[in-house]
PDB file of N, CA and C in Angstrom:
ATOM      1  N   UNK A   1       0.951  -1.254   0.109  1.00  0.00           N
ATOM      2  CA  UNK A   1      -0.023  -0.067  -0.050  1.00  0.00           C
ATOM      3  C   UNK A   1       0.807   1.056   0.059  1.00  0.00           C
ATOM      4  N   UNK A   2       0.633   2.287  -1.137  1.00  0.00           N
ATOM      5  CA  UNK A   2       0.920   3.771  -1.283  1.00  0.00           C
ATOM      6  C   UNK A   2       1.240   3.987   0.448  1.00  0.00           C
ATOM      7  N   UNK A   3       2.283   5.575   0.689  1.00  0.00           N
ATOM      8  CA  UNK A   3       1.826   6.058   1.290  1.00  0.00           C
ATOM      9  C   UNK A   3       1.337   7.323   0.843  1.00  0.00           C
ATOM     10  N   UNK A   4       0.926   8.195   1.473  1.00  0.00           N
ATOM     11  CA  UNK A   4       0.324   9.408   1.398  1.00  0.00           C
ATOM     12  C   UNK A   4       1.381  10.576   1.437  1.00  0.00           C
ATOM     13  N   UNK A   5       1.410  11.196   0.075  1.00  0.00           N
ATOM     14  CA  UNK A   5       2.658  12.385   0.440  1.00  0.00           C
ATOM     15  C   UNK A   5       2.072  13.427   2.047  1.00  0.00           C
ATOM     16  N   UNK A   6       2.695  13.844   2.752  1.00  0.00           N
ATOM     17  CA  UNK A   6       2.971  14.309   3.759  1.00  0.00           C
ATOM     18  C   UNK A   6       2.385  15.910   2.959  1.00  0.00           C
ATOM     19  N   UNK A   7       1.434  16.825   4.076  1.00  0.00           N
ATOM     20  CA  UNK A   7       0.947  18.267   3.229  1.00  0.00           C
ATOM     21  C   UNK A   7       2.483  18.983   3.207  1.00  0.00           C
ATOM     22  N   UNK A   8       3.304  18.999   3.798  1.00  0.00           N
ATOM     23  CA  UNK A   8       4.823  20.029   2.911  1.00  0.00           C
ATOM     24  C   UNK A   8       4.748  19.553   1.552  1.00  0.00           C
ATOM     25  N   UNK A   9       4.680  18.427   1.346  1.00  0.00           N
ATOM     26  CA  UNK A   9       5.343  17.871  -0.300  1.00  0.00           C
ATOM     27  C   UNK A   9       3.774  17.768  -0.762  1.00  0.00           C
ATOM     28  N   UNK A  10       2.713  17.675  -0.367  1.00  0.00           N
ATOM     29  CA  UNK A  10       1.684  18.302  -1.600  1.00  0.00           C
ATOM     30  C   UNK A  10       1.957  19.277  -1.641  1.00  0.00           C
ATOM     31  N   UNK A  11       2.189  20.621  -0.543  1.00  0.00           N
ATOM     32  CA  UNK A  11       2.307  21.847  -0.843  1.00  0.00           C
ATOM     33  C   UNK A  11       3.225  22.774  -1.661  1.00  0.00           C
ATOM     34  N   UNK A  12       4.233  21.650  -1.585  1.00  0.00           N
ATOM     35  CA  UNK A  12       4.965  21.438  -2.633  1.00  0.00           C
ATOM     36  C   UNK A  12       5.081  21.137  -4.165  1.00  0.00           C
ATOM     37  N   UNK A  13       4.950  20.362  -4.064  1.00  0.00           N
ATOM     38  CA  UNK A  13       3.867  20.038  -5.834  1.00  0.00           C
ATOM     39  C   UNK A  13       2.850  20.600  -6.344  1.00  0.00           C
ATOM     40  N   UNK A  14       2.477  21.327  -5.759  1.00  0.00           N
ATOM     41  CA  UNK A  14       1.375  22.173  -6.030  1.00  0.00           C
ATOM     42  C   UNK A  14       2.083  23.791  -6.210  1.00  0.00           C
ATOM     43  N   UNK A  15       2.946  24.747  -6.011  1.00  0.00           N
ATOM     44  CA  UNK A  15       3.567  25.151  -6.225  1.00  0.00           C
ATOM     45  C   UNK A  15       4.761  25.242  -7.100  1.00  0.00           C
ATOM     46  N   UNK A  16       4.965  23.908  -7.356  1.00  0.00           N
ATOM     47  CA  UNK A  16       6.096  23.582  -8.569  1.00  0.00           C
ATOM     48  C   UNK A  16       5.463  23.658  -9.445  1.00  0.00           C
ATOM     49  N   UNK A  17       4.000  23.090  -9.511  1.00  0.00           N
ATOM     50  CA  UNK A  17       3.181  23.002 -11.043  1.00  0.00           C
ATOM     51  C   UNK A  17       2.095  24.401 -10.878  1.00  0.00           C
ATOM     52  N   UNK A  18       2.024  25.101 -10.162  1.00  0.00           N
ATOM     53  CA  UNK A  18       1.454  26.543 -10.052  1.00  0.00           C
ATOM     54  C   UNK A  18       2.325  27.765  -9.852  1.00  0.00           C
ATOM     55  N   UNK A  19       3.322  27.448 -10.308  1.00  0.00           N
ATOM     56  CA  UNK A  19       4.568  28.835 -10.033  1.00  0.00           C
ATOM     57  C   UNK A  19       4.189  30.447 -10.018  1.00  0.00           C
ATOM     58  N   UNK A  20       3.005  30.652 -11.023  1.00  0.00           N
ATOM     59  CA  UNK A  20       2.893  32.113 -11.805  1.00  0.00           C
ATOM     60  C   UNK A  20       1.368  32.016 -10.254  1.00  0.00           C
ATOM     61  N   UNK A  21       0.944  31.108 -10.121  1.00  0.00           N
ATOM     62  CA  UNK A  21      -0.351  31.920  -9.114  1.00  0.00           C
ATOM     63  C   UNK A  21       0.013  32.092  -8.231  1.00  0.00           C
ATOM     64  N   UNK A  22       0.827  30.997  -7.501  1.00  0.00           N
ATOM     65  CA  UNK A  22       2.238  31.203  -6.244  1.00  0.00           C
ATOM     66  C   UNK A  22       2.243  32.598  -6.139  1.00  0.00           C
ATOM     67  N   UNK A  23       3.202  33.259  -7.014  1.00  0.00           N
ATOM     68  CA  UNK A  23       3.557  34.630  -6.747  1.00  0.00           C
ATOM     69  C   UNK A  23       2.443  35.208  -6.903  1.00  0.00           C
ATOM     70  N   UNK A  24       1.429  35.170  -7.699  1.00  0.00           N
ATOM     71  CA  UNK A  24       0.065  36.611  -8.008  1.00  0.00           C
ATOM     72  C   UNK A  24      -0.491  36.261  -6.818  1.00  0.00           C
ATOM     73  N   UNK A  25      -1.018  35.254  -5.895  1.00  0.00           N
ATOM     74  CA  UNK A  25      -1.341  35.197  -4.982  1.00  0.00           C
ATOM     75  C   UNK A  25      -0.627  36.284  -3.972  1.00  0.00           C
ATOM     76  N   UNK A  26       0.663  35.247  -3.882  1.00  0.00           N
ATOM     77  CA  UNK A  26       1.847  36.352  -3.014  1.00  0.00           C
ATOM     78  C   UNK A  26       1.724  37.771  -2.970  1.00  0.00           C
ATOM     79  N   UNK A  27       1.772  38.077  -4.685  1.00  0.00           N
ATOM     80  CA  UNK A  27       1.600  39.464  -4.898  1.00  0.00           C
ATOM     81  C   UNK A  27       0.190  40.123  -3.922  1.00  0.00           C
ATOM     82  N   UNK A  28      -0.963  39.579  -4.631  1.00  0.00           N
ATOM     83  CA  UNK A  28      -2.025  40.327  -4.024  1.00  0.00           C
ATOM     84  C   UNK A  28      -2.266  40.448  -3.110  1.00  0.00           C
ATOM     85  N   UNK A  29      -2.281  39.235  -2.323  1.00  0.00           N
ATOM     86  CA  UNK A  29      -2.083  39.780  -0.444  1.00  0.00           C
ATOM     87  C   UNK A  29      -0.936  40.347   0.067  1.00  0.00           C
ATOM     88  N   UNK A  30      -0.159  40.683  -0.733  1.00  0.00           N
ATOM     89  CA  UNK A  30       1.184  41.445  -0.194  1.00  0.00           C
ATOM     90  C   UNK A  30       0.635  42.809  -0.592  1.00  0.00           C
ATOM     91  N   UNK A  31      -0.250  43.304  -1.485  1.00  0.00           N
ATOM     92  CA  UNK A  31      -0.691  44.817  -1.982  1.00  0.00           C
ATOM     93  C   UNK A  31      -1.470  44.552  -1.334  1.00  0.00           C
ATOM     94  N   UNK A  32      -2.766  43.599  -0.702  1.00  0.00           N
ATOM     95  CA  UNK A  32      -3.767  43.855  -0.012  1.00  0.00           C
ATOM     96  C   UNK A  32      -2.983  44.283   1.824  1.00  0.00           C
ATOM     97  N   UNK A  33      -2.838  43.151   1.744  1.00  0.00           N
ATOM     98  CA  UNK A  33      -1.851  43.784   3.311  1.00  0.00           C
ATOM     99  C   UNK A  33      -1.471  45.331   3.981  1.00  0.00           C
ATOM    100  N   UNK A  34      -0.550  45.097   2.434  1.00  0.00           N
ATOM    101  CA  UNK A  34      -0.114  46.801   2.234  1.00  0.00           C
ATOM    102  C   UNK A  34      -0.682  47.683   2.556  1.00  0.00           C
ATOM    103  N   UNK A  35      -1.729  47.863   1.546  1.00  0.00           N
ATOM    104  CA  UNK A  35      -2.829  49.159   1.436  1.00  0.00           C
ATOM    105  C   UNK A  35      -3.277  49.249   2.952  1.00  0.00           C
ATOM    106  N   UNK A  36      -4.129  47.514   3.132  1.00  0.00           N
ATOM    107  CA  UNK A  36      -4.759  47.895   4.399  1.00  0.00           C
ATOM    108  C   UNK A  36      -3.934  48.147   5.796  1.00  0.00           C
ATOM    109  N   UNK A  37      -2.374  48.213   5.986  1.00  0.00           N
ATOM    110  CA  UNK A  37      -1.187  48.634   6.755  1.00  0.00           C
ATOM    111  C   UNK A  37      -1.378  49.966   6.618  1.00  0.00           C
ATOM    112  N   UNK A  38      -1.077  50.449   5.224  1.00  0.00           N
ATOM    113  CA  UNK A  38      -1.069  52.135   5.172  1.00  0.00           C
ATOM    114  C   UNK A  38      -2.005  53.272   5.492  1.00  0.00           C
ATOM    115  N   UNK A  39      -3.510  52.288   4.619  1.00  0.00           N
ATOM    116  CA  UNK A  39      -4.469  53.065   5.551  1.00  0.00           C
ATOM    117  C   UNK A  39      -4.847  53.079   6.562  1.00  0.00           C
ATOM    118  N   UNK A  40      -4.401  52.459   7.313  1.00  0.00           N
ATOM    119  CA  UNK A  40      -4.624  52.884   8.888  1.00  0.00           C
ATOM    120  C   UNK A  40      -4.128  53.426   9.698  1.00  0.00           C
ATOM    121  N   UNK A  41      -2.821  54.228   9.101  1.00  0.00           N
ATOM    122  CA  UNK A  41      -1.933  55.486   9.149  1.00  0.00           C
ATOM    123  C   UNK A  41      -2.561  56.727   8.788  1.00  0.00           C
ATOM    124  N   UNK A  42      -3.528  57.171   9.770  1.00  0.00           N
ATOM    125  CA  UNK A  42      -3.838  58.674   9.417  1.00  0.00           C
ATOM    126  C   UNK A  42      -3.022  59.623   9.420  1.00  0.00           C
ATOM    127  N   UNK A  43      -1.547  59.540   9.460  1.00  0.00           N
ATOM    128  CA  UNK A  43      -0.941  61.153   9.243  1.00  0.00           C
ATOM    129  C   UNK A  43      -0.156  61.062   7.296  1.00  0.00           C
ATOM    130  N   UNK A  44      -0.430  60.483   6.889  1.00  0.00           N
ATOM    131  CA  UNK A  44      -0.026  60.177   5.500  1.00  0.00           C
ATOM    132  C   UNK A  44      -0.839  60.406   4.665  1.00  0.00           C
ATOM    133  N   UNK A  45      -0.463  61.257   3.357  1.00  0.00           N
ATOM    134  CA  UNK A  45      -0.941  61.727   2.298  1.00  0.00           C
ATOM    135  C   UNK A  45      -1.242  60.189   1.353  1.00  0.00           C
ATOM    136  N   UNK A  46      -2.883  60.348   1.038  1.00  0.00           N
ATOM    137  CA  UNK A  46      -3.121  58.971   0.152  1.00  0.00           C
ATOM    138  C   UNK A  46      -2.053  58.819  -1.200  1.00  0.00           C
ATOM    139  N   UNK A  47      -1.346  59.648  -1.984  1.00  0.00           N
ATOM    140  CA  UNK A  47      -0.512  59.415  -2.233  1.00  0.00           C
ATOM    141  C   UNK A  47       0.865  58.625  -1.854  1.00  0.00           C
ATOM    142  N   UNK A  48       1.470  58.950  -0.960  1.00  0.00           N
ATOM    143  CA  UNK A  48       2.025  58.518  -0.422  1.00  0.00           C
ATOM    144  C   UNK A  48       2.370  56.797   0.755  1.00  0.00           C
ATOM    145  N   UNK A  49       0.816  56.880   0.465  1.00  0.00           N
ATOM    146  CA  UNK A  49       0.406  55.350   1.246  1.00  0.00           C
ATOM    147  C   UNK A  49       0.280  54.336   0.005  1.00  0.00           C
ATOM    148  N   UNK A  50       0.155  54.766  -1.171  1.00  0.00           N
ATOM    149  CA  UNK A  50      -0.064  54.109  -2.108  1.00  0.00           C
ATOM    150  C   UNK A  50       1.562  53.363  -2.997  1.00  0.00           C
ATOM    151  N   UNK A  51       2.253  54.665  -2.861  1.00  0.00           N
ATOM    152  CA  UNK A  51       4.049  54.772  -2.944  1.00  0.00           C
ATOM    153  C   UNK A  51       4.458  53.229  -1.916  1.00  0.00           C
ATOM    154  N   UNK A  52       3.914  53.844  -0.778  1.00  0.00           N
ATOM    155  CA  UNK A  52       4.685  52.764   0.166  1.00  0.00           C
ATOM    156  C   UNK A  52       3.430  51.346  -0.064  1.00  0.00           C
ATOM    157  N   UNK A  53       2.881  51.125  -0.597  1.00  0.00           N
ATOM    158  CA  UNK A  53       2.038  49.417  -0.394  1.00  0.00           C
ATOM    159  C   UNK A  53       2.772  49.014  -2.187  1.00  0.00           C
ATOM    160  N   UNK A  54       3.335  50.245  -3.174  1.00  0.00           N
ATOM    161  CA  UNK A  54       3.749  49.055  -4.208  1.00  0.00           C
ATOM    162  C   UNK A  54       4.628  48.972  -3.968  1.00  0.00           C
ATOM    163  N   UNK A  55       5.426  49.733  -3.112  1.00  0.00           N
ATOM    164  CA  UNK A  55       7.065  49.499  -2.745  1.00  0.00           C
ATOM    165  C   UNK A  55       6.792  47.800  -1.942  1.00  0.00           C
ATOM    166  N   UNK A  56       6.219  47.447  -0.620  1.00  0.00           N
ATOM    167  CA  UNK A  56       6.217  46.658  -0.269  1.00  0.00           C
ATOM    168  C   UNK A  56       5.777  45.334  -1.629  1.00  0.00           C
ATOM    169  N   UNK A  57       4.535  46.087  -2.227  1.00  0.00           N
ATOM    170  CA  UNK A  57       4.459  44.653  -3.337  1.00  0.00           C
ATOM    171  C   UNK A  57       5.668  44.384  -3.600  1.00  0.00           C
ATOM    172  N   UNK A  58       6.118  45.172  -4.467  1.00  0.00           N
ATOM    173  CA  UNK A  58       7.721  44.780  -5.405  1.00  0.00           C
ATOM    174  C   UNK A  58       8.415  43.936  -4.458  1.00  0.00           C
ATOM    175  N   UNK A  59       8.761  44.243  -3.191  1.00  0.00           N
ATOM    176  CA  UNK A  59       9.752  43.753  -2.169  1.00  0.00           C
ATOM    177  C   UNK A  59       9.626  41.839  -2.051  1.00  0.00           C
ATOM    178  N   UNK A  60       8.153  42.176  -1.920  1.00  0.00           N
ATOM    179  CA  UNK A  60       7.536  41.077  -2.085  1.00  0.00           C
ATOM    180  C   UNK A  60       7.423  39.585  -3.095  1.00  0.00           C
ATOM    181  N   UNK A  61       7.053  40.537  -4.149  1.00  0.00           N
ATOM    182  CA  UNK A  61       6.795  39.750  -5.729  1.00  0.00           C
ATOM    183  C   UNK A  61       8.186  39.215  -6.157  1.00  0.00           C
ATOM    184  N   UNK A  62       9.790  40.238  -5.604  1.00  0.00           N
ATOM    185  CA  UNK A  62      11.169  39.425  -5.514  1.00  0.00           C
ATOM    186  C   UNK A  62      11.425  39.134  -4.653  1.00  0.00           C
ATOM    187  N   UNK A  63      10.622  38.774  -3.528  1.00  0.00           N
ATOM    188  CA  UNK A  63      10.936  37.205  -2.690  1.00  0.00           C
ATOM    189  C   UNK A  63       9.655  36.212  -2.900  1.00  0.00           C
ATOM    190  N   UNK A  64       8.630  36.336  -3.547  1.00  0.00           N
ATOM    191  CA  UNK A  64       8.216  34.696  -3.892  1.00  0.00           C
ATOM    192  C   UNK A  64       8.975  34.152  -5.362  1.00  0.00           C
ATOM    193  N   UNK A  65       9.575  35.098  -5.866  1.00  0.00           N
ATOM    194  CA  UNK A  65      10.162  35.072  -7.536  1.00  0.00           C
ATOM    195  C   UNK A  65      11.539  34.490  -6.655  1.00  0.00           C
ATOM    196  N   UNK A  66      12.517  34.841  -5.958  1.00  0.00           N
ATOM    197  CA  UNK A  66      13.131  33.956  -5.690  1.00  0.00           C
ATOM    198  C   UNK A  66      12.682  32.715  -4.764  1.00  0.00           C
ATOM    199  N   UNK A  67      12.128  32.531  -4.523  1.00  0.00           N
ATOM    200  CA  UNK A  67      11.296  31.835  -3.394  1.00  0.00           C
ATOM    201  C   UNK A  67      10.980  30.333  -4.295  1.00  0.00           C
ATOM    202  N   UNK A  68      10.095  30.874  -6.067  1.00  0.00           N
ATOM    203  CA  UNK A  68      10.189  30.152  -6.704  1.00  0.00           C
ATOM    204  C   UNK A  68      11.163  29.294  -7.445  1.00  0.00           C
ATOM    205  N   UNK A  69      12.150  30.275  -7.808  1.00  0.00           N
ATOM    206  CA  UNK A  69      13.515  29.812  -8.258  1.00  0.00           C
ATOM    207  C   UNK A  69      13.991  29.053  -7.906  1.00  0.00           C
ATOM    208  N   UNK A  70      14.291  29.098  -6.086  1.00  0.00           N
ATOM    209  CA  UNK A  70      15.013  27.961  -5.352  1.00  0.00           C
ATOM    210  C   UNK A  70      14.236  26.885  -5.340  1.00  0.00           C
ATOM    211  N   UNK A  71      12.643  26.811  -5.576  1.00  0.00           N
ATOM    212  CA  UNK A  71      11.576  25.501  -5.518  1.00  0.00           C
ATOM    213  C   UNK A  71      11.905  24.699  -6.676  1.00  0.00           C
ATOM    214  N   UNK A  72      12.220  25.345  -7.792  1.00  0.00           N
ATOM    215  CA  UNK A  72      12.519  25.104  -9.130  1.00  0.00           C
ATOM    216  C   UNK A  72      13.980  24.537  -8.637  1.00  0.00           C
ATOM    217  N   UNK A  73      14.923  24.671  -9.050  1.00  0.00           N
ATOM    218  CA  UNK A  73      15.962  23.987  -8.421  1.00  0.00           C
ATOM    219  C   UNK A  73      17.049  23.025  -8.017  1.00  0.00           C
ATOM    220  N   UNK A  74      15.563  22.962  -6.452  1.00  0.00           N
ATOM    221  CA  UNK A  74      15.811  21.911  -5.555  1.00  0.00           C
ATOM    222  C   UNK A  74      14.679  20.404  -6.705  1.00  0.00           C
ATOM    223  N   UNK A  75      13.371  21.087  -7.153  1.00  0.00           N
ATOM    224  CA  UNK A  75      13.182  20.127  -8.184  1.00  0.00           C
ATOM    225  C   UNK A  75      14.172  19.308  -9.476  1.00  0.00           C
ATOM    226  N   UNK A  76      14.741  20.578  -9.861  1.00  0.00           N
ATOM    227  CA  UNK A  76      15.676  19.880 -10.931  1.00  0.00           C
ATOM    228  C   UNK A  76      16.552  19.000  -9.882  1.00  0.00           C
ATOM    229  N   UNK A  77      17.127  19.352  -8.748  1.00  0.00           N
ATOM    230  CA  UNK A  77      18.797  18.660  -8.409  1.00  0.00           C
ATOM    231  C   UNK A  77      17.969  17.435  -7.978  1.00  0.00           C
ATOM    232  N   UNK A  78      16.887  17.564  -7.501  1.00  0.00           N
ATOM    233  CA  UNK A  78      16.148  16.006  -7.089  1.00  0.00           C
ATOM    234  C   UNK A  78      15.962  15.068  -8.233  1.00  0.00           C
ATOM    235  N   UNK A  79      15.647  15.344  -9.255  1.00  0.00           N
ATOM    236  CA  UNK A  79      14.689  14.768  -9.894  1.00  0.00           C
ATOM    237  C   UNK A  79      15.865  14.002 -11.313  1.00  0.00           C
ATOM    238  N   UNK A  80      17.485  14.997 -10.726  1.00  0.00           N
ATOM    239  CA  UNK A  80      18.311  14.223 -11.732  1.00  0.00           C
ATOM    240  C   UNK A  80      18.715  14.605 -13.040  1.00  0.00           C
ATOM    241  N   UNK A  81      17.679  16.052 -13.357  1.00  0.00           N
ATOM    242  CA  UNK A  81      17.978  16.200 -14.381  1.00  0.00           C
ATOM    243  C   UNK A  81      17.002  15.236 -15.294  1.00  0.00           C
ATOM    244  N   UNK A  82      16.084  14.336 -14.853  1.00  0.00           N
ATOM    245  CA  UNK A  82      15.349  13.203 -15.709  1.00  0.00           C
ATOM    246  C   UNK A  82      14.808  14.020 -16.967  1.00  0.00           C
ATOM    247  N   UNK A  83      13.972  14.909 -16.598  1.00  0.00           N
ATOM    248  CA  UNK A  83      12.788  15.943 -17.001  1.00  0.00           C
ATOM    249  C   UNK A  83      13.556  16.932 -18.446  1.00  0.00           C
ATOM    250  N   UNK A  84      14.899  16.915 -18.026  1.00  0.00           N
ATOM    251  CA  UNK A  84      15.563  17.795 -19.302  1.00  0.00           C
ATOM    252  C   UNK A  84      16.836  17.031 -20.401  1.00  0.00           C
ATOM    253  N   UNK A  85      16.656  15.607 -19.845  1.00  0.00           N
ATOM    254  CA  UNK A  85      17.759  14.863 -20.280  1.00  0.00           C
ATOM    255  C   UNK A  85      16.877  14.357 -21.532  1.00  0.00           C
ATOM    256  N   UNK A  86      16.129  14.529 -22.146  1.00  0.00           N
ATOM    257  CA  UNK A  86      15.356  14.043 -23.251  1.00  0.00           C
ATOM    258  C   UNK A  86      15.953  14.522 -24.374  1.00  0.00           C
ATOM    259  N   UNK A  87      15.775  16.198 -24.301  1.00  0.00           N
ATOM    260  CA  UNK A  87      15.656  17.213 -24.822  1.00  0.00           C
ATOM    261  C   UNK A  87      16.751  17.201 -25.947  1.00  0.00           C
ATOM    262  N   UNK A  88      18.023  17.000 -25.330  1.00  0.00           N
ATOM    263  CA  UNK A  88      19.189  16.910 -26.819  1.00  0.00           C
ATOM    264  C   UNK A  88      18.833  16.137 -26.923  1.00  0.00           C
ATOM    265  N   UNK A  89      18.581  14.487 -26.852  1.00  0.00           N
ATOM    266  CA  UNK A  89      18.538  13.382 -27.706  1.00  0.00           C
ATOM    267  C   UNK A  89      16.997  13.789 -28.836  1.00  0.00           C
ATOM    268  N   UNK A  90      16.274  14.632 -28.421  1.00  0.00           N
ATOM    269  CA  UNK A  90      15.611  14.633 -29.575  1.00  0.00           C
ATOM    270  C   UNK A  90      16.053  15.775 -30.479  1.00  0.00           C
ATOM    271  N   UNK A  91      16.732  16.427 -30.259  1.00  0.00           N
ATOM    272  CA  UNK A  91      17.633  17.552 -31.225  1.00  0.00           C
ATOM    273  C   UNK A  91      18.434  16.756 -32.206  1.00  0.00           C
ATOM    274  N   UNK A  92      19.006  15.511 -31.295  1.00  0.00           N
ATOM    275  CA  UNK A  92      20.021  14.749 -32.359  1.00  0.00           C
ATOM    276  C   UNK A  92      19.308  14.054 -33.225  1.00  0.00           C
ATOM    277  N   UNK A  93      18.498  13.925 -33.203  1.00  0.00           N
ATOM    278  CA  UNK A  93      17.053  12.533 -33.887  1.00  0.00           C
ATOM    279  C   UNK A  93      17.244  13.447 -35.171  1.00  0.00           C
ATOM    280  N   UNK A  94      16.129  14.229 -34.409  1.00  0.00           N
ATOM    281  CA  UNK A  94      15.573  15.582 -35.507  1.00  0.00           C
ATOM    282  C   UNK A  94      16.839  16.003 -36.563  1.00  0.00           C
ATOM    283  N   UNK A  95      18.156  15.732 -36.136  1.00  0.00           N
ATOM    284  CA  UNK A  95      18.830  16.327 -36.644  1.00  0.00           C
ATOM    285  C   UNK A  95      19.815  15.567 -37.960  1.00  0.00           C
ATOM    286  N   UNK A  96      19.538  14.302 -37.673  1.00  0.00           N
ATOM    287  CA  UNK A  96      19.794  13.109 -38.560  1.00  0.00           C
ATOM    288  C   UNK A  96      18.939  12.795 -39.371  1.00  0.00           C
ATOM    289  N   UNK A  97      17.387  13.063 -39.572  1.00  0.00           N
ATOM    290  CA  UNK A  97      16.546  12.324 -40.142  1.00  0.00           C
ATOM    291  C   UNK A  97      16.422  13.599 -41.585  1.00  0.00           C
ATOM    292  N   UNK A  98      17.269  15.408 -40.985  1.00  0.00           N
ATOM    293  CA  UNK A  98      17.393  15.644 -42.548  1.00  0.00           C
ATOM    294  C   UNK A  98      18.031  15.462 -43.685  1.00  0.00           C
TER     295      UNK A  98
END
């Protein structure tokens, strides 16, 4: 009987399959949280609040992209290149057919 994957492993697989969706969700939650935090501060102009929210969202987006790249790197390292090893063979096969 096969073991069910752990919660962390299933989350990791979902993130690997949906990298852009993960980055978008993190960005949206970051901008929403930043806007909510900045709007709770009454001594700031609305334009400054928007600029701060944008800067926070950009920083969070960069962090999410670095995280997605790390997950991709670890995924490729753990699979020992099995996903990419077929492409050079296909390229060589098509070159010989010409």
